[in-house]
């Protein structure tokens, strides 16, 4: 299920600035369902863990003024997944 990033991307991943931002755009992005299956958690738990993490790609409307529920889709870059996993396993 998991794919590893090519060596070229791994070497650039260490680079600061715009190069790193470009790499994040092309690395693997997980859905909440992917991570829930991988980590054996509920999707809601994964959403709560990652919704406020920097680097998570959010698609949808937030802070709606018409009183309707917000619908936001999360796409979580592999680098963010690794960072959160390291932080929580210390």
N, C-alpha and C. Protein backbone atom coordinates (compact mmCIF):
# COMPACT_ATOMS: atom_id res chain seq x y z
N UNK A 1 0.81 -1.19 0.00
CA UNK A 1 0.00 0.00 0.00
C UNK A 1 0.86 1.26 0.00
N UNK A 2 1.85 1.33 0.86
CA UNK A 2 2.69 2.52 0.92
C UNK A 2 3.73 2.49 -0.19
N UNK A 3 3.90 3.63 -0.82
CA UNK A 3 4.94 3.78 -1.82
C UNK A 3 6.00 4.69 -1.25
N UNK A 4 7.24 4.39 -1.48
CA UNK A 4 8.31 5.25 -1.01
C UNK A 4 8.64 6.28 -2.07
N UNK A 5 9.11 7.43 -1.62
CA UNK A 5 9.47 8.50 -2.55
C UNK A 5 10.77 8.15 -3.26
N UNK A 6 10.91 8.55 -4.51
CA UNK A 6 12.15 8.30 -5.24
C UNK A 6 13.33 8.98 -4.56
N UNK A 7 14.52 8.48 -4.81
CA UNK A 7 15.73 9.01 -4.18
C UNK A 7 15.92 10.49 -4.48
N UNK A 8 15.59 10.93 -5.68
CA UNK A 8 15.75 12.35 -6.02
C UNK A 8 14.90 13.23 -5.13
N UNK A 9 13.68 12.78 -4.87
CA UNK A 9 12.80 13.56 -4.00
C UNK A 9 13.32 13.55 -2.57
N UNK A 10 13.82 12.41 -2.12
CA UNK A 10 14.37 12.35 -0.76
C UNK A 10 15.53 13.30 -0.57
N UNK A 11 16.39 13.45 -1.58
CA UNK A 11 17.53 14.34 -1.45
C UNK A 11 17.08 15.80 -1.45
N UNK A 12 16.06 16.14 -2.24
CA UNK A 12 15.57 17.51 -2.29
C UNK A 12 14.77 17.84 -1.04
N UNK A 13 14.16 16.83 -0.43
CA UNK A 13 13.32 17.03 0.75
C UNK A 13 14.09 17.76 1.85
N UNK A 14 15.39 17.56 1.89
CA UNK A 14 16.22 18.21 2.91
C UNK A 14 16.50 19.67 2.58
N UNK A 15 16.25 20.09 1.36
CA UNK A 15 16.55 21.45 0.93
C UNK A 15 15.59 22.45 1.57
N UNK A 16 16.09 23.63 1.94
CA UNK A 16 15.23 24.66 2.50
C UNK A 16 14.51 25.46 1.42
N UNK A 17 13.51 26.22 1.82
CA UNK A 17 12.88 27.19 0.94
C UNK A 17 11.96 26.63 -0.12
N UNK A 18 11.91 27.31 -1.28
CA UNK A 18 10.96 26.95 -2.34
C UNK A 18 11.15 25.54 -2.88
N UNK A 19 12.38 25.04 -2.88
CA UNK A 19 12.60 23.68 -3.39
C UNK A 19 11.81 22.67 -2.57
N UNK A 20 11.80 22.86 -1.25
CA UNK A 20 11.07 21.94 -0.38
C UNK A 20 9.56 22.05 -0.62
N UNK A 21 9.06 23.26 -0.81
CA UNK A 21 7.63 23.44 -1.07
C UNK A 21 7.22 22.75 -2.37
N UNK A 22 8.06 22.79 -3.37
CA UNK A 22 7.78 22.12 -4.63
C UNK A 22 7.73 20.62 -4.45
N UNK A 23 8.64 20.09 -3.65
CA UNK A 23 8.69 18.65 -3.41
C UNK A 23 7.43 18.19 -2.69
N UNK A 24 6.96 18.94 -1.72
CA UNK A 24 5.76 18.55 -0.98
C UNK A 24 4.57 18.43 -1.92
N UNK A 25 4.51 19.27 -2.93
CA UNK A 25 3.40 19.22 -3.88
C UNK A 25 3.39 17.91 -4.66
N UNK A 26 4.54 17.28 -4.84
CA UNK A 26 4.63 16.07 -5.64
C UNK A 26 4.79 14.79 -4.83
N UNK A 27 4.92 14.90 -3.51
CA UNK A 27 5.02 13.68 -2.72
C UNK A 27 3.65 13.05 -2.53
N UNK A 28 3.61 11.85 -2.05
CA UNK A 28 2.35 11.14 -1.87
C UNK A 28 1.50 11.86 -0.82
N UNK A 29 0.21 12.01 -1.11
CA UNK A 29 -0.75 12.59 -0.19
C UNK A 29 -1.75 11.51 0.20
N UNK A 30 -2.00 11.38 1.50
CA UNK A 30 -2.92 10.38 2.03
C UNK A 30 -4.29 10.99 2.28
N UNK A 31 -5.32 10.19 2.15
CA UNK A 31 -6.65 10.59 2.59
C UNK A 31 -6.79 10.18 4.05
N UNK A 32 -7.82 10.68 4.71
CA UNK A 32 -8.06 10.25 6.08
C UNK A 32 -8.40 8.76 6.12
N UNK A 33 -9.06 8.27 5.09
CA UNK A 33 -9.38 6.84 5.02
C UNK A 33 -8.11 6.00 4.90
N UNK A 34 -7.16 6.44 4.06
CA UNK A 34 -5.89 5.72 3.92
C UNK A 34 -5.20 5.56 5.27
N UNK A 35 -5.09 6.66 5.99
CA UNK A 35 -4.38 6.62 7.27
C UNK A 35 -5.17 5.86 8.33
N UNK A 36 -6.50 5.95 8.29
CA UNK A 36 -7.32 5.20 9.24
C UNK A 36 -7.11 3.70 9.06
N UNK A 37 -7.05 3.25 7.82
CA UNK A 37 -6.81 1.83 7.55
C UNK A 37 -5.39 1.43 7.94
N UNK A 38 -4.43 2.28 7.63
CA UNK A 38 -3.04 1.98 7.89
C UNK A 38 -2.74 1.93 9.39
N UNK A 39 -3.28 2.90 10.14
CA UNK A 39 -3.01 3.01 11.57
C UNK A 39 -4.07 2.35 12.45
N UNK A 40 -5.10 1.80 11.84
CA UNK A 40 -6.19 1.13 12.58
C UNK A 40 -6.90 2.08 13.55
N UNK A 41 -7.18 3.30 13.08
CA UNK A 41 -7.97 4.28 13.82
C UNK A 41 -9.23 4.59 13.04
N UNK A 42 -10.16 5.25 13.70
CA UNK A 42 -11.36 5.74 13.02
C UNK A 42 -10.98 6.97 12.19
N UNK A 43 -11.69 7.19 11.08
CA UNK A 43 -11.41 8.36 10.24
C UNK A 43 -11.55 9.67 11.00
N UNK A 44 -12.50 9.73 11.93
CA UNK A 44 -12.71 10.95 12.72
C UNK A 44 -11.47 11.25 13.57
N UNK A 45 -10.85 10.23 14.11
CA UNK A 45 -9.63 10.41 14.91
C UNK A 45 -8.51 10.96 14.04
N UNK A 46 -8.34 10.40 12.86
CA UNK A 46 -7.31 10.88 11.94
C UNK A 46 -7.57 12.33 11.57
N UNK A 47 -8.83 12.67 11.29
CA UNK A 47 -9.19 14.04 10.94
C UNK A 47 -8.83 15.01 12.09
N UNK A 48 -9.15 14.62 13.32
CA UNK A 48 -8.82 15.48 14.47
C UNK A 48 -7.32 15.66 14.64
N UNK A 49 -6.56 14.59 14.41
CA UNK A 49 -5.11 14.67 14.57
C UNK A 49 -4.50 15.63 13.55
N UNK A 50 -4.99 15.59 12.30
CA UNK A 50 -4.33 16.31 11.22
C UNK A 50 -4.98 17.62 10.79
N UNK A 51 -6.18 17.93 11.24
CA UNK A 51 -6.89 19.10 10.71
C UNK A 51 -6.17 20.42 10.94
N UNK A 52 -5.41 20.54 12.02
CA UNK A 52 -4.72 21.81 12.30
C UNK A 52 -3.21 21.73 12.09
N UNK A 53 -2.73 20.65 11.50
CA UNK A 53 -1.29 20.50 11.26
C UNK A 53 -0.86 21.35 10.06
N UNK A 54 0.27 22.05 10.18
CA UNK A 54 0.76 22.81 9.03
C UNK A 54 1.16 21.87 7.89
N UNK A 55 0.86 22.27 6.68
CA UNK A 55 1.22 21.49 5.50
C UNK A 55 0.11 20.60 4.98
N UNK A 56 -0.99 20.47 5.73
CA UNK A 56 -2.11 19.65 5.27
C UNK A 56 -2.91 20.44 4.24
N UNK A 57 -3.19 19.80 3.12
CA UNK A 57 -3.92 20.43 2.02
C UNK A 57 -5.42 20.29 2.29
N UNK A 58 -6.14 21.42 2.39
CA UNK A 58 -7.57 21.43 2.71
C UNK A 58 -8.35 21.95 1.52
N UNK A 59 -9.36 21.20 1.11
CA UNK A 59 -10.21 21.59 -0.01
C UNK A 59 -11.64 21.67 0.51
N UNK A 60 -12.30 22.78 0.25
CA UNK A 60 -13.69 22.93 0.67
C UNK A 60 -13.93 24.28 1.30
N UNK A 61 -15.14 24.44 1.78
CA UNK A 61 -15.53 25.71 2.40
C UNK A 61 -15.47 25.60 3.91
N UNK A 62 -14.85 26.59 4.53
CA UNK A 62 -14.81 26.66 5.98
C UNK A 62 -15.43 27.98 6.43
N UNK A 63 -15.90 28.02 7.64
CA UNK A 63 -16.50 29.22 8.22
C UNK A 63 -17.65 29.75 7.39
N UNK A 64 -18.54 28.86 7.02
CA UNK A 64 -19.70 29.27 6.23
C UNK A 64 -20.61 30.16 7.06
N UNK A 65 -21.18 31.15 6.43
CA UNK A 65 -22.05 32.11 7.13
C UNK A 65 -23.52 31.77 6.98
N UNK A 66 -23.82 30.78 6.16
CA UNK A 66 -25.23 30.46 5.94
C UNK A 66 -25.76 29.41 6.93
N UNK A 67 -24.96 29.07 7.94
CA UNK A 67 -25.40 28.14 8.96
C UNK A 67 -25.27 26.67 8.60
N UNK A 68 -24.81 26.40 7.39
CA UNK A 68 -24.65 25.01 6.97
C UNK A 68 -23.32 24.45 7.45
N UNK A 69 -23.26 23.14 7.47
CA UNK A 69 -22.07 22.44 7.91
C UNK A 69 -20.92 22.67 6.94
N UNK A 70 -19.69 22.78 7.50
CA UNK A 70 -18.49 22.90 6.68
C UNK A 70 -18.14 21.53 6.10
N UNK A 71 -17.83 21.48 4.83
CA UNK A 71 -17.34 20.26 4.18
C UNK A 71 -15.92 20.52 3.72
N UNK A 72 -14.97 19.84 4.36
CA UNK A 72 -13.56 20.04 4.04
C UNK A 72 -12.92 18.67 3.82
N UNK A 73 -12.23 18.52 2.71
CA UNK A 73 -11.49 17.31 2.42
C UNK A 73 -10.03 17.54 2.74
N UNK A 74 -9.41 16.61 3.44
CA UNK A 74 -8.00 16.73 3.80
C UNK A 74 -7.16 15.81 2.92
N UNK A 75 -6.03 16.31 2.47
CA UNK A 75 -5.01 15.52 1.81
C UNK A 75 -3.73 15.76 2.60
N UNK A 76 -3.16 14.69 3.12
CA UNK A 76 -2.07 14.81 4.09
C UNK A 76 -0.77 14.32 3.46
N UNK A 77 0.21 15.23 3.27
CA UNK A 77 1.48 14.83 2.66
C UNK A 77 2.23 13.82 3.53
N UNK A 78 2.98 12.98 2.87
CA UNK A 78 3.76 11.95 3.57
C UNK A 78 4.68 12.55 4.61
N UNK A 79 5.29 13.70 4.30
CA UNK A 79 6.21 14.33 5.26
C UNK A 79 5.48 14.75 6.53
N UNK A 80 4.23 15.20 6.41
CA UNK A 80 3.44 15.58 7.59
C UNK A 80 3.09 14.33 8.39
N UNK A 81 2.73 13.25 7.71
CA UNK A 81 2.42 11.99 8.38
C UNK A 81 3.62 11.52 9.19
N UNK A 82 4.80 11.55 8.58
CA UNK A 82 6.01 11.11 9.27
C UNK A 82 6.32 12.00 10.47
N UNK A 83 6.17 13.32 10.30
CA UNK A 83 6.44 14.26 11.39
C UNK A 83 5.51 14.03 12.57
N UNK A 84 4.22 13.88 12.30
CA UNK A 84 3.24 13.66 13.37
C UNK A 84 3.49 12.32 14.06
N UNK A 85 3.82 11.30 13.29
CA UNK A 85 4.10 10.00 13.87
C UNK A 85 5.30 10.07 14.80
N UNK A 86 6.35 10.75 14.37
CA UNK A 86 7.55 10.91 15.23
C UNK A 86 7.23 11.69 16.49
N UNK A 87 6.43 12.76 16.38
CA UNK A 87 6.07 13.57 17.54
C UNK A 87 5.26 12.76 18.56
N UNK A 88 4.37 11.91 18.06
CA UNK A 88 3.47 11.18 18.96
C UNK A 88 4.06 9.89 19.49
N UNK A 89 5.20 9.45 18.97
CA UNK A 89 5.81 8.22 19.48
C UNK A 89 7.02 8.50 20.37
N UNK A 90 7.20 9.72 20.73
CA UNK A 90 8.32 10.06 21.64
C UNK A 90 7.98 9.70 23.05
